[in-house]
PDB file of N, CA and C in Angstrom:
ATOM      1  N   MET A   1       4.233  -1.483  47.944  1.00  0.00           N
ATOM      2  CA  MET A   1       4.593  -2.436  47.034  1.00  0.00           C
ATOM      3  C   MET A   1       5.104  -1.844  45.599  1.00  0.00           C
ATOM      4  N   SER A   2       4.430  -0.710  45.062  1.00  0.00           N
ATOM      5  CA  SER A   2       4.546  -0.189  44.026  1.00  0.00           C
ATOM      6  C   SER A   2       6.023   0.135  43.952  1.00  0.00           C
ATOM      7  N   LYS A   3       6.679   0.860  45.049  1.00  0.00           N
ATOM      8  CA  LYS A   3       7.932   1.188  45.145  1.00  0.00           C
ATOM      9  C   LYS A   3       9.112   0.143  44.862  1.00  0.00           C
ATOM     10  N   ARG A   4       8.602  -1.217  45.514  1.00  0.00           N
ATOM     11  CA  ARG A   4       9.355  -2.092  45.264  1.00  0.00           C
ATOM     12  C   ARG A   4       9.462  -2.871  43.851  1.00  0.00           C
ATOM     13  N   ILE A   5       8.337  -2.884  43.218  1.00  0.00           N
ATOM     14  CA  ILE A   5       8.395  -3.146  41.811  1.00  0.00           C
ATOM     15  C   ILE A   5       9.187  -2.043  40.925  1.00  0.00           C
ATOM     16  N   ALA A   6       8.766  -0.923  41.218  1.00  0.00           N
ATOM     17  CA  ALA A   6       9.727   0.055  40.507  1.00  0.00           C
ATOM     18  C   ALA A   6      11.128  -0.051  40.646  1.00  0.00           C
ATOM     19  N   LEU A   7      11.717  -0.329  41.807  1.00  0.00           N
ATOM     20  CA  LEU A   7      13.013  -0.534  42.129  1.00  0.00           C
ATOM     21  C   LEU A   7      13.604  -1.733  41.381  1.00  0.00           C
ATOM     22  N   VAL A   8      12.874  -2.903  41.429  1.00  0.00           N
ATOM     23  CA  VAL A   8      13.254  -4.031  40.623  1.00  0.00           C
ATOM     24  C   VAL A   8      13.145  -3.812  39.153  1.00  0.00           C
ATOM     25  N   ALA A   9      12.329  -2.925  38.539  1.00  0.00           N
ATOM     26  CA  ALA A   9      12.483  -2.521  37.337  1.00  0.00           C
ATOM     27  C   ALA A   9      13.513  -1.752  36.995  1.00  0.00           C
ATOM     28  N   VAL A  10      14.122  -0.771  37.863  1.00  0.00           N
ATOM     29  CA  VAL A  10      15.175   0.083  37.608  1.00  0.00           C
ATOM     30  C   VAL A  10      16.365  -0.877  37.444  1.00  0.00           C
ATOM     31  N   PHE A  11      16.742  -1.778  38.285  1.00  0.00           N
ATOM     32  CA  PHE A  11      17.651  -2.769  38.267  1.00  0.00           C
ATOM     33  C   PHE A  11      17.806  -3.500  37.167  1.00  0.00           C
ATOM     34  N   ALA A  12      16.559  -4.096  36.728  1.00  0.00           N
ATOM     35  CA  ALA A  12      16.468  -4.894  35.560  1.00  0.00           C
ATOM     36  C   ALA A  12      16.966  -4.290  34.346  1.00  0.00           C
ATOM     37  N   LEU A  13      16.776  -2.839  34.319  1.00  0.00           N
ATOM     38  CA  LEU A  13      17.236  -1.905  33.091  1.00  0.00           C
ATOM     39  C   LEU A  13      18.585  -1.507  33.078  1.00  0.00           C
ATOM     40  N   VAL A  14      19.039  -1.033  34.365  1.00  0.00           N
ATOM     41  CA  VAL A  14      20.339  -0.555  34.464  1.00  0.00           C
ATOM     42  C   VAL A  14      21.320  -1.658  34.760  1.00  0.00           C
ATOM     43  N   GLY A  15      20.956  -2.646  35.302  1.00  0.00           N
ATOM     44  CA  GLY A  15      22.043  -3.997  35.348  1.00  0.00           C
ATOM     45  C   GLY A  15      22.849  -4.428  34.106  1.00  0.00           C
ATOM     46  N   PRO A  16      22.247  -4.624  33.187  1.00  0.00           N
ATOM     47  CA  PRO A  16      22.954  -4.943  32.055  1.00  0.00           C
ATOM     48  C   PRO A  16      23.813  -3.659  31.365  1.00  0.00           C
ATOM     49  N   ALA A  17      23.333  -2.425  31.346  1.00  0.00           N
ATOM     50  CA  ALA A  17      24.215  -1.261  30.984  1.00  0.00           C
ATOM     51  C   ALA A  17      25.415  -1.277  31.978  1.00  0.00           C
ATOM     52  N   ALA A  18      25.104  -1.411  33.227  1.00  0.00           N
ATOM     53  CA  ALA A  18      26.256  -1.166  34.134  1.00  0.00           C
ATOM     54  C   ALA A  18      27.336  -2.194  34.008  1.00  0.00           C
ATOM     55  N   ALA A  19      26.973  -3.458  33.405  1.00  0.00           N
ATOM     56  CA  ALA A  19      27.990  -4.349  33.110  1.00  0.00           C
ATOM     57  C   ALA A  19      28.630  -4.394  31.784  1.00  0.00           C
ATOM     58  N   HIS A  20      28.162  -3.318  30.987  1.00  0.00           N
ATOM     59  CA  HIS A  20      28.774  -3.199  29.706  1.00  0.00           C
ATOM     60  C   HIS A  20      30.149  -2.501  30.029  1.00  0.00           C
ATOM     61  N   HIS A  21      31.014  -3.068  29.382  1.00  0.00           N
ATOM     62  CA  HIS A  21      32.595  -2.694  29.690  1.00  0.00           C
ATOM     63  C   HIS A  21      33.084  -1.259  28.727  1.00  0.00           C
ATOM     64  N   GLY A  22      32.145  -0.848  27.835  1.00  0.00           N
ATOM     65  CA  GLY A  22      32.406   0.281  27.044  1.00  0.00           C
ATOM     66  C   GLY A  22      33.691   0.079  26.265  1.00  0.00           C
ATOM     67  N   TRP A  23      34.258   1.186  25.619  1.00  0.00           N
ATOM     68  CA  TRP A  23      35.348   1.168  24.674  1.00  0.00           C
ATOM     69  C   TRP A  23      36.700   1.843  25.168  1.00  0.00           C
ATOM     70  N   GLY A  24      36.526   2.368  26.506  1.00  0.00           N
ATOM     71  CA  GLY A  24      37.564   2.851  26.963  1.00  0.00           C
ATOM     72  C   GLY A  24      38.725   2.011  27.381  1.00  0.00           C
ATOM     73  N   SER A  25      38.764   0.750  27.469  1.00  0.00           N
ATOM     74  CA  SER A  25      39.792   0.094  27.819  1.00  0.00           C
ATOM     75  C   SER A  25      40.475  -0.659  26.439  1.00  0.00           C
ATOM     76  N   TYR A  26      40.614   0.017  25.475  1.00  0.00           N
ATOM     77  CA  TYR A  26      41.109  -0.172  24.418  1.00  0.00           C
ATOM     78  C   TYR A  26      42.353   0.893  24.110  1.00  0.00           C
ATOM     79  N   ASP A  27      43.454   0.460  23.291  1.00  0.00           N
ATOM     80  CA  ASP A  27      44.579   1.383  23.098  1.00  0.00           C
ATOM     81  C   ASP A  27      44.618   1.764  21.809  1.00  0.00           C
ATOM     82  N   ALA A  28      43.848   2.996  21.621  1.00  0.00           N
ATOM     83  CA  ALA A  28      43.851   3.614  20.424  1.00  0.00           C
ATOM     84  C   ALA A  28      45.044   3.984  19.751  1.00  0.00           C
ATOM     85  N   ALA A  29      46.139   4.240  20.593  1.00  0.00           N
ATOM     86  CA  ALA A  29      47.337   4.784  20.155  1.00  0.00           C
ATOM     87  C   ALA A  29      48.287   3.625  19.469  1.00  0.00           C
ATOM     88  N   ASN A  30      47.866   2.380  19.634  1.00  0.00           N
ATOM     89  CA  ASN A  30      48.729   1.410  19.146  1.00  0.00           C
ATOM     90  C   ASN A  30      47.775   0.377  18.488  1.00  0.00           C
ATOM     91  N   PRO A  31      47.283   0.635  17.164  1.00  0.00           N
ATOM     92  CA  PRO A  31      46.505  -0.109  16.324  1.00  0.00           C
ATOM     93  C   PRO A  31      47.226  -1.080  16.073  1.00  0.00           C
ATOM     94  N   VAL A  32      46.469  -2.379  15.740  1.00  0.00           N
ATOM     95  CA  VAL A  32      46.973  -3.579  15.263  1.00  0.00           C
ATOM     96  C   VAL A  32      46.090  -4.298  14.097  1.00  0.00           C
ATOM     97  N   THR A  33      46.727  -4.997  13.370  1.00  0.00           N
ATOM     98  CA  THR A  33      46.106  -5.624  12.209  1.00  0.00           C
ATOM     99  C   THR A  33      46.325  -7.074  12.381  1.00  0.00           C
ATOM    100  N   VAL A  34      45.260  -7.821  12.579  1.00  0.00           N
ATOM    101  CA  VAL A  34      45.201  -9.222  12.673  1.00  0.00           C
ATOM    102  C   VAL A  34      44.689 -10.082  11.395  1.00  0.00           C
ATOM    103  N   SER A  35      45.382 -10.986  10.715  1.00  0.00           N
ATOM    104  CA  SER A  35      44.825 -11.500   9.506  1.00  0.00           C
ATOM    105  C   SER A  35      44.965 -13.132   9.789  1.00  0.00           C
ATOM    106  N   GLY A  36      43.890 -13.777   9.482  1.00  0.00           N
ATOM    107  CA  GLY A  36      43.959 -15.266   9.384  1.00  0.00           C
ATOM    108  C   GLY A  36      42.569 -15.894   9.364  1.00  0.00           C
ATOM    109  N   PRO A  37      42.652 -17.269   9.451  1.00  0.00           N
ATOM    110  CA  PRO A  37      41.197 -17.774   9.279  1.00  0.00           C
ATOM    111  C   PRO A  37      40.256 -17.518  10.656  1.00  0.00           C
ATOM    112  N   ILE A  38      39.103 -17.615  10.520  1.00  0.00           N
ATOM    113  CA  ILE A  38      38.044 -17.507  11.776  1.00  0.00           C
ATOM    114  C   ILE A  38      37.947 -18.763  12.294  1.00  0.00           C
ATOM    115  N   LEU A  39      38.506 -18.949  13.605  1.00  0.00           N
ATOM    116  CA  LEU A  39      38.259 -20.137  14.320  1.00  0.00           C
ATOM    117  C   LEU A  39      36.846 -20.426  14.986  1.00  0.00           C
ATOM    118  N   THR A  40      36.263 -19.355  15.448  1.00  0.00           N
ATOM    119  CA  THR A  40      34.971 -19.571  16.102  1.00  0.00           C
ATOM    120  C   THR A  40      34.359 -18.051  15.760  1.00  0.00           C
ATOM    121  N   SER A  41      32.981 -18.114  15.906  1.00  0.00           N
ATOM    122  CA  SER A  41      32.225 -16.894  15.367  1.00  0.00           C
ATOM    123  C   SER A  41      31.027 -17.038  16.348  1.00  0.00           C
ATOM    124  N   LYS A  42      30.735 -15.979  17.165  1.00  0.00           N
ATOM    125  CA  LYS A  42      29.398 -15.830  17.879  1.00  0.00           C
ATOM    126  C   LYS A  42      28.832 -14.321  17.379  1.00  0.00           C
ATOM    127  N   PHE A  43      27.814 -14.599  16.800  1.00  0.00           N
ATOM    128  CA  PHE A  43      26.839 -13.296  16.459  1.00  0.00           C
ATOM    129  C   PHE A  43      25.703 -13.079  17.047  1.00  0.00           C
ATOM    130  N   GLU A  44      26.173 -12.622  18.334  1.00  0.00           N
ATOM    131  CA  GLU A  44      25.149 -12.324  19.345  1.00  0.00           C
ATOM    132  C   GLU A  44      25.542 -11.078  20.271  1.00  0.00           C
ATOM    133  N   ASN A  45      24.343 -10.617  20.891  1.00  0.00           N
ATOM    134  CA  ASN A  45      24.780  -9.361  21.866  1.00  0.00           C
ATOM    135  C   ASN A  45      25.110  -9.637  23.185  1.00  0.00           C
ATOM    136  N   PRO A  46      25.959  -8.817  23.795  1.00  0.00           N
ATOM    137  CA  PRO A  46      25.883  -7.381  23.278  1.00  0.00           C
ATOM    138  C   PRO A  46      26.906  -7.242  22.360  1.00  0.00           C
ATOM    139  N   HIS A  47      27.953  -7.858  21.850  1.00  0.00           N
ATOM    140  CA  HIS A  47      28.776  -7.816  20.685  1.00  0.00           C
ATOM    141  C   HIS A  47      29.123  -9.091  20.242  1.00  0.00           C
ATOM    142  N   ALA A  48      29.106  -9.148  18.896  1.00  0.00           N
ATOM    143  CA  ALA A  48      29.575 -10.013  18.079  1.00  0.00           C
ATOM    144  C   ALA A  48      31.107 -10.304  18.132  1.00  0.00           C
ATOM    145  N   THR A  49      31.605 -11.530  18.426  1.00  0.00           N
ATOM    146  CA  THR A  49      33.072 -11.759  18.520  1.00  0.00           C
ATOM    147  C   THR A  49      33.579 -12.914  17.575  1.00  0.00           C
ATOM    148  N   ILE A  50      34.812 -12.927  17.066  1.00  0.00           N
ATOM    149  CA  ILE A  50      35.443 -14.025  16.619  1.00  0.00           C
ATOM    150  C   ILE A  50      36.480 -14.304  17.271  1.00  0.00           C
ATOM    151  N   THR A  51      37.220 -15.494  16.888  1.00  0.00           N
ATOM    152  CA  THR A  51      38.622 -15.866  17.428  1.00  0.00           C
ATOM    153  C   THR A  51      39.366 -16.161  15.907  1.00  0.00           C
ATOM    154  N   VAL A  52      40.375 -15.344  15.881  1.00  0.00           N
ATOM    155  CA  VAL A  52      41.199 -15.549  14.758  1.00  0.00           C
ATOM    156  C   VAL A  52      42.629 -16.008  14.988  1.00  0.00           C
ATOM    157  N   LYS A  53      43.075 -17.078  14.060  1.00  0.00           N
ATOM    158  CA  LYS A  53      44.405 -17.398  14.241  1.00  0.00           C
ATOM    159  C   LYS A  53      45.370 -16.681  13.216  1.00  0.00           C
ATOM    160  N   GLY A  54      45.952 -15.653  13.934  1.00  0.00           N
ATOM    161  CA  GLY A  54      46.886 -14.646  13.161  1.00  0.00           C
ATOM    162  C   GLY A  54      48.253 -15.097  13.726  1.00  0.00           C
ATOM    163  N   ASP A  55      49.148 -14.029  14.198  1.00  0.00           N
ATOM    164  CA  ASP A  55      50.343 -14.460  14.622  1.00  0.00           C
ATOM    165  C   ASP A  55      50.534 -15.116  16.121  1.00  0.00           C
ATOM    166  N   LYS A  56      48.988 -14.964  16.582  1.00  0.00           N
ATOM    167  CA  LYS A  56      48.623 -15.584  17.944  1.00  0.00           C
ATOM    168  C   LYS A  56      47.392 -15.885  17.625  1.00  0.00           C
ATOM    169  N   GLU A  57      46.609 -16.405  18.685  1.00  0.00           N
ATOM    170  CA  GLU A  57      44.847 -16.456  18.602  1.00  0.00           C
ATOM    171  C   GLU A  57      44.449 -15.099  19.300  1.00  0.00           C
ATOM    172  N   TRP A  58      43.780 -14.520  18.537  1.00  0.00           N
ATOM    173  CA  TRP A  58      43.225 -13.310  18.963  1.00  0.00           C
ATOM    174  C   TRP A  58      41.588 -13.410  18.861  1.00  0.00           C
ATOM    175  N   THR A  59      40.847 -12.790  20.049  1.00  0.00           N
ATOM    176  CA  THR A  59      39.447 -12.501  20.078  1.00  0.00           C
ATOM    177  C   THR A  59      39.158 -11.166  19.583  1.00  0.00           C
ATOM    178  N   VAL A  60      38.448 -11.135  18.333  1.00  0.00           N
ATOM    179  CA  VAL A  60      38.009 -10.063  17.902  1.00  0.00           C
ATOM    180  C   VAL A  60      36.580  -9.574  18.284  1.00  0.00           C
ATOM    181  N   THR A  61      36.457  -8.279  19.001  1.00  0.00           N
ATOM    182  CA  THR A  61      35.171  -7.904  19.373  1.00  0.00           C
ATOM    183  C   THR A  61      34.648  -6.780  18.527  1.00  0.00           C
ATOM    184  N   PHE A  62      33.318  -6.920  17.968  1.00  0.00           N
ATOM    185  CA  PHE A  62      32.750  -6.047  17.183  1.00  0.00           C
ATOM    186  C   PHE A  62      31.549  -5.229  17.817  1.00  0.00           C
ATOM    187  N   ALA A  63      30.940  -4.562  17.015  1.00  0.00           N
ATOM    188  CA  ALA A  63      29.713  -3.851  17.454  1.00  0.00           C
ATOM    189  C   ALA A  63      28.509  -4.739  17.691  1.00  0.00           C
ATOM    190  N   PRO A  64      27.611  -4.324  18.329  1.00  0.00           N
ATOM    191  CA  PRO A  64      26.498  -4.993  18.605  1.00  0.00           C
ATOM    192  C   PRO A  64      25.857  -5.450  17.193  1.00  0.00           C
ATOM    193  N   THR A  65      25.086  -6.589  17.306  1.00  0.00           N
ATOM    194  CA  THR A  65      24.543  -7.423  16.022  1.00  0.00           C
ATOM    195  C   THR A  65      23.730  -6.199  15.111  1.00  0.00           C
ATOM    196  N   PHE A  66      22.877  -5.471  15.739  1.00  0.00           N
ATOM    197  CA  PHE A  66      22.171  -4.592  14.879  1.00  0.00           C
ATOM    198  C   PHE A  66      22.962  -3.792  13.853  1.00  0.00           C
ATOM    199  N   ARG A  67      24.014  -3.062  14.437  1.00  0.00           N
ATOM    200  CA  ARG A  67      25.095  -2.450  13.799  1.00  0.00           C
ATOM    201  C   ARG A  67      25.813  -3.084  12.796  1.00  0.00           C
ATOM    202  N   MET A  68      26.315  -4.385  13.292  1.00  0.00           N
ATOM    203  CA  MET A  68      26.806  -5.205  12.096  1.00  0.00           C
ATOM    204  C   MET A  68      25.954  -5.430  10.927  1.00  0.00           C
ATOM    205  N   ASN A  69      24.795  -5.757  11.271  1.00  0.00           N
ATOM    206  CA  ASN A  69      23.834  -5.984  10.239  1.00  0.00           C
ATOM    207  C   ASN A  69      23.660  -4.625   9.199  1.00  0.00           C
ATOM    208  N   ASN A  70      23.328  -3.745   9.885  1.00  0.00           N
ATOM    209  CA  ASN A  70      23.349  -2.309   9.183  1.00  0.00           C
ATOM    210  C   ASN A  70      24.585  -2.175   8.221  1.00  0.00           C
ATOM    211  N   ARG A  71      25.478  -2.681   8.380  1.00  0.00           N
ATOM    212  CA  ARG A  71      26.894  -2.368   7.887  1.00  0.00           C
ATOM    213  C   ARG A  71      27.094  -3.185   6.863  1.00  0.00           C
ATOM    214  N   GLY A  72      26.264  -4.485   6.773  1.00  0.00           N
ATOM    215  CA  GLY A  72      26.447  -5.542   5.698  1.00  0.00           C
ATOM    216  C   GLY A  72      27.227  -6.741   6.396  1.00  0.00           C
ATOM    217  N   ALA A  73      27.839  -6.515   7.702  1.00  0.00           N
ATOM    218  CA  ALA A  73      28.722  -7.547   8.179  1.00  0.00           C
ATOM    219  C   ALA A  73      27.736  -8.670   8.831  1.00  0.00           C
ATOM    220  N   THR A  74      27.057  -9.331   8.153  1.00  0.00           N
ATOM    221  CA  THR A  74      26.149 -10.324   8.743  1.00  0.00           C
ATOM    222  C   THR A  74      26.895 -11.670   9.313  1.00  0.00           C
ATOM    223  N   ALA A  75      25.935 -12.224  10.003  1.00  0.00           N
ATOM    224  CA  ALA A  75      26.694 -13.554  10.576  1.00  0.00           C
ATOM    225  C   ALA A  75      27.534 -14.370   9.462  1.00  0.00           C
ATOM    226  N   ASP A  76      26.952 -14.550   8.174  1.00  0.00           N
ATOM    227  CA  ASP A  76      27.543 -15.147   7.207  1.00  0.00           C
ATOM    228  C   ASP A  76      28.985 -14.541   6.853  1.00  0.00           C
ATOM    229  N   VAL A  77      29.199 -13.301   7.033  1.00  0.00           N
ATOM    230  CA  VAL A  77      30.282 -12.761   6.495  1.00  0.00           C
ATOM    231  C   VAL A  77      31.720 -13.082   7.526  1.00  0.00           C
ATOM    232  N   ILE A  78      31.157 -13.141   8.840  1.00  0.00           N
ATOM    233  CA  ILE A  78      32.102 -13.514   9.832  1.00  0.00           C
ATOM    234  C   ILE A  78      32.036 -15.064  10.287  1.00  0.00           C
ATOM    235  N   ALA A  79      31.721 -15.994   9.350  1.00  0.00           N
ATOM    236  CA  ALA A  79      31.510 -17.378   9.492  1.00  0.00           C
ATOM    237  C   ALA A  79      32.946 -17.781   9.664  1.00  0.00           C
ATOM    238  N   THR A  80      32.942 -18.895  10.616  1.00  0.00           N
ATOM    239  CA  THR A  80      33.914 -19.880  10.776  1.00  0.00           C
ATOM    240  C   THR A  80      34.458 -20.407   9.519  1.00  0.00           C
ATOM    241  N   GLY A  81      35.831 -20.430   9.351  1.00  0.00           N
ATOM    242  CA  GLY A  81      36.309 -20.920   8.092  1.00  0.00           C
ATOM    243  C   GLY A  81      36.803 -19.708   7.191  1.00  0.00           C
ATOM    244  N   LYS A  82      36.186 -18.693   7.165  1.00  0.00           N
ATOM    245  CA  LYS A  82      36.475 -17.627   6.384  1.00  0.00           C
ATOM    246  C   LYS A  82      38.009 -17.101   6.876  1.00  0.00           C
ATOM    247  N   THR A  83      38.503 -16.282   5.859  1.00  0.00           N
ATOM    248  CA  THR A  83      39.680 -15.504   6.179  1.00  0.00           C
ATOM    249  C   THR A  83      39.409 -14.104   6.416  1.00  0.00           C
ATOM    250  N   VAL A  84      39.904 -13.599   7.438  1.00  0.00           N
ATOM    251  CA  VAL A  84      39.528 -12.003   8.040  1.00  0.00           C
ATOM    252  C   VAL A  84      40.736 -11.211   7.914  1.00  0.00           C
ATOM    253  N   THR A  85      40.931  -9.896   7.709  1.00  0.00           N
ATOM    254  CA  THR A  85      41.753  -8.946   8.245  1.00  0.00           C
ATOM    255  C   THR A  85      41.065  -8.025   8.841  1.00  0.00           C
ATOM    256  N   ALA A  86      41.482  -7.955  10.415  1.00  0.00           N
ATOM    257  CA  ALA A  86      40.806  -6.957  11.118  1.00  0.00           C
ATOM    258  C   ALA A  86      41.808  -5.956  11.570  1.00  0.00           C
ATOM    259  N   PHE A  87      41.412  -4.595  11.428  1.00  0.00           N
ATOM    260  CA  PHE A  87      42.179  -3.512  12.100  1.00  0.00           C
ATOM    261  C   PHE A  87      41.429  -2.944  13.256  1.00  0.00           C
ATOM    262  N   GLY A  88      42.102  -2.797  14.284  1.00  0.00           N
ATOM    263  CA  GLY A  88      41.678  -2.125  15.406  1.00  0.00           C
ATOM    264  C   GLY A  88      42.606  -2.089  16.618  1.00  0.00           C
ATOM    265  N   TYR A  89      42.210  -1.909  17.765  1.00  0.00           N
ATOM    266  CA  TYR A  89      42.936  -1.566  19.121  1.00  0.00           C
ATOM    267  C   TYR A  89      42.943  -2.826  19.964  1.00  0.00           C
ATOM    268  N   PRO A  90      43.968  -3.003  20.554  1.00  0.00           N
ATOM    269  CA  PRO A  90      44.004  -4.049  21.465  1.00  0.00           C
ATOM    270  C   PRO A  90      43.555  -3.690  22.946  1.00  0.00           C
ATOM    271  N   SER A  91      43.093  -4.625  23.470  1.00  0.00           N
ATOM    272  CA  SER A  91      42.621  -4.408  24.868  1.00  0.00           C
ATOM    273  C   SER A  91      43.543  -4.110  25.848  1.00  0.00           C
ATOM    274  N   THR A  92      43.489  -3.155  26.793  1.00  0.00           N
ATOM    275  CA  THR A  92      44.268  -2.869  27.995  1.00  0.00           C
ATOM    276  C   THR A  92      44.055  -3.819  29.072  1.00  0.00           C
ATOM    277  N   ALA A  93      42.910  -4.543  29.255  1.00  0.00           N
ATOM    278  CA  ALA A  93      42.459  -5.420  30.024  1.00  0.00           C
ATOM    279  C   ALA A  93      42.427  -6.811  29.911  1.00  0.00           C
ATOM    280  N   GLU A  94      42.188  -7.147  28.673  1.00  0.00           N
ATOM    281  CA  GLU A  94      42.346  -8.685  28.207  1.00  0.00           C
ATOM    282  C   GLU A  94      43.562  -8.795  27.078  1.00  0.00           C
ATOM    283  N   LYS A  95      44.450  -9.689  27.639  1.00  0.00           N
ATOM    284  CA  LYS A  95      45.493 -10.015  26.728  1.00  0.00           C
ATOM    285  C   LYS A  95      44.864 -10.804  25.353  1.00  0.00           C
ATOM    286  N   GLY A  96      45.217 -10.416  24.207  1.00  0.00           N
ATOM    287  CA  GLY A  96      44.838 -11.225  22.956  1.00  0.00           C
ATOM    288  C   GLY A  96      43.661 -10.950  22.429  1.00  0.00           C
ATOM    289  N   GLU A  97      42.875  -9.756  23.256  1.00  0.00           N
ATOM    290  CA  GLU A  97      41.624  -9.288  22.480  1.00  0.00           C
ATOM    291  C   GLU A  97      41.711  -7.897  21.917  1.00  0.00           C
ATOM    292  N   MET A  98      41.032  -7.615  20.909  1.00  0.00           N
ATOM    293  CA  MET A  98      40.917  -6.324  20.161  1.00  0.00           C
ATOM    294  C   MET A  98      39.606  -6.034  19.779  1.00  0.00           C
ATOM    295  N   ARG A  99      39.371  -4.638  19.526  1.00  0.00           N
ATOM    296  CA  ARG A  99      38.018  -4.157  19.105  1.00  0.00           C
ATOM    297  C   ARG A  99      38.161  -3.730  17.603  1.00  0.00           C
ATOM    298  N   ALA A 100      37.560  -4.451  16.901  1.00  0.00           N
ATOM    299  CA  ALA A 100      37.744  -3.981  15.404  1.00  0.00           C
ATOM    300  C   ALA A 100      37.209  -2.607  15.049  1.00  0.00           C
ATOM    301  N   GLU A 101      37.835  -1.902  14.105  1.00  0.00           N
ATOM    302  CA  GLU A 101      37.455  -0.816  13.565  1.00  0.00           C
ATOM    303  C   GLU A 101      36.750  -0.934  12.231  1.00  0.00           C
ATOM    304  N   ARG A 102      37.522  -2.000  11.580  1.00  0.00           N
ATOM    305  CA  ARG A 102      37.361  -2.458  10.166  1.00  0.00           C
ATOM    306  C   ARG A 102      37.774  -3.855   9.975  1.00  0.00           C
ATOM    307  N   ILE A 103      37.051  -4.440   9.024  1.00  0.00           N
ATOM    308  CA  ILE A 103      37.328  -5.844   8.559  1.00  0.00           C
ATOM    309  C   ILE A 103      37.256  -6.083   7.220  1.00  0.00           C
ATOM    310  N   THR A 104      38.113  -6.738   6.512  1.00  0.00           N
ATOM    311  CA  THR A 104      37.974  -7.430   5.275  1.00  0.00           C
ATOM    312  C   THR A 104      37.797  -8.668   5.018  1.00  0.00           C
ATOM    313  N   VAL A 105      36.734  -9.138   4.502  1.00  0.00           N
ATOM    314  CA  VAL A 105      36.576 -10.455   4.432  1.00  0.00           C
ATOM    315  C   VAL A 105      36.023 -10.705   2.688  1.00  0.00           C
ATOM    316  N   ASP A 106      36.389 -11.634   2.271  1.00  0.00           N
ATOM    317  CA  ASP A 106      36.394 -11.964   0.659  1.00  0.00           C
ATOM    318  C   ASP A 106      36.602 -10.781  -0.238  1.00  0.00           C
ATOM    319  N   GLY A 107      37.528 -10.004   0.355  1.00  0.00           N
ATOM    320  CA  GLY A 107      37.859  -8.749  -0.753  1.00  0.00           C
ATOM    321  C   GLY A 107      36.902  -7.455  -0.306  1.00  0.00           C
ATOM    322  N   LYS A 108      36.000  -7.655   0.397  1.00  0.00           N
ATOM    323  CA  LYS A 108      35.083  -6.498   0.853  1.00  0.00           C
ATOM    324  C   LYS A 108      35.378  -5.971   2.169  1.00  0.00           C
ATOM    325  N   THR A 109      35.747  -4.622   2.319  1.00  0.00           N
ATOM    326  CA  THR A 109      35.963  -4.033   3.713  1.00  0.00           C
ATOM    327  C   THR A 109      34.638  -3.380   4.262  1.00  0.00           C
ATOM    328  N   TYR A 110      34.548  -3.823   5.575  1.00  0.00           N
ATOM    329  CA  TYR A 110      33.277  -3.337   6.412  1.00  0.00           C
ATOM    330  C   TYR A 110      33.911  -2.367   7.366  1.00  0.00           C
ATOM    331  N   GLU A 111      33.239  -1.227   7.499  1.00  0.00           N
ATOM    332  CA  GLU A 111      33.449  -0.112   8.850  1.00  0.00           C
ATOM    333  C   GLU A 111      32.716  -0.461   9.918  1.00  0.00           C
ATOM    334  N   MET A 112      33.273  -0.782  10.826  1.00  0.00           N
ATOM    335  CA  MET A 112      32.635  -1.058  12.266  1.00  0.00           C
ATOM    336  C   MET A 112      32.057   0.079  13.137  1.00  0.00           C
ATOM    337  N   ARG A 113      32.572   1.358  12.839  1.00  0.00           N
ATOM    338  CA  ARG A 113      32.427   2.385  13.463  1.00  0.00           C
ATOM    339  C   ARG A 113      31.309   3.552  12.797  1.00  0.00           C
TER     340      ARG A 113
END
């Protein structure tokens, strides 16, 4: 019985990590800058995300929330209705999605890496 419990515990810990997409699916050779109003904002793990109305609608993916908070980019900074400029890398897997390297909101720049 203890082997079964141990196996379940391993899957519980490894499962979420295995589902994580990592940063390898972003095109660092072709950075993009997106500017516009924030239409939606989700400040939750595994990554905070916003939707921005730029030249088209973009989903901007950030670091985990603890890293965002450590850099001063709190939920209030990326709140719906604010205007953001996001610099980062477009996804090679999801059209219209990018990973932010840095953002500027209200004249302040926040480094995400």
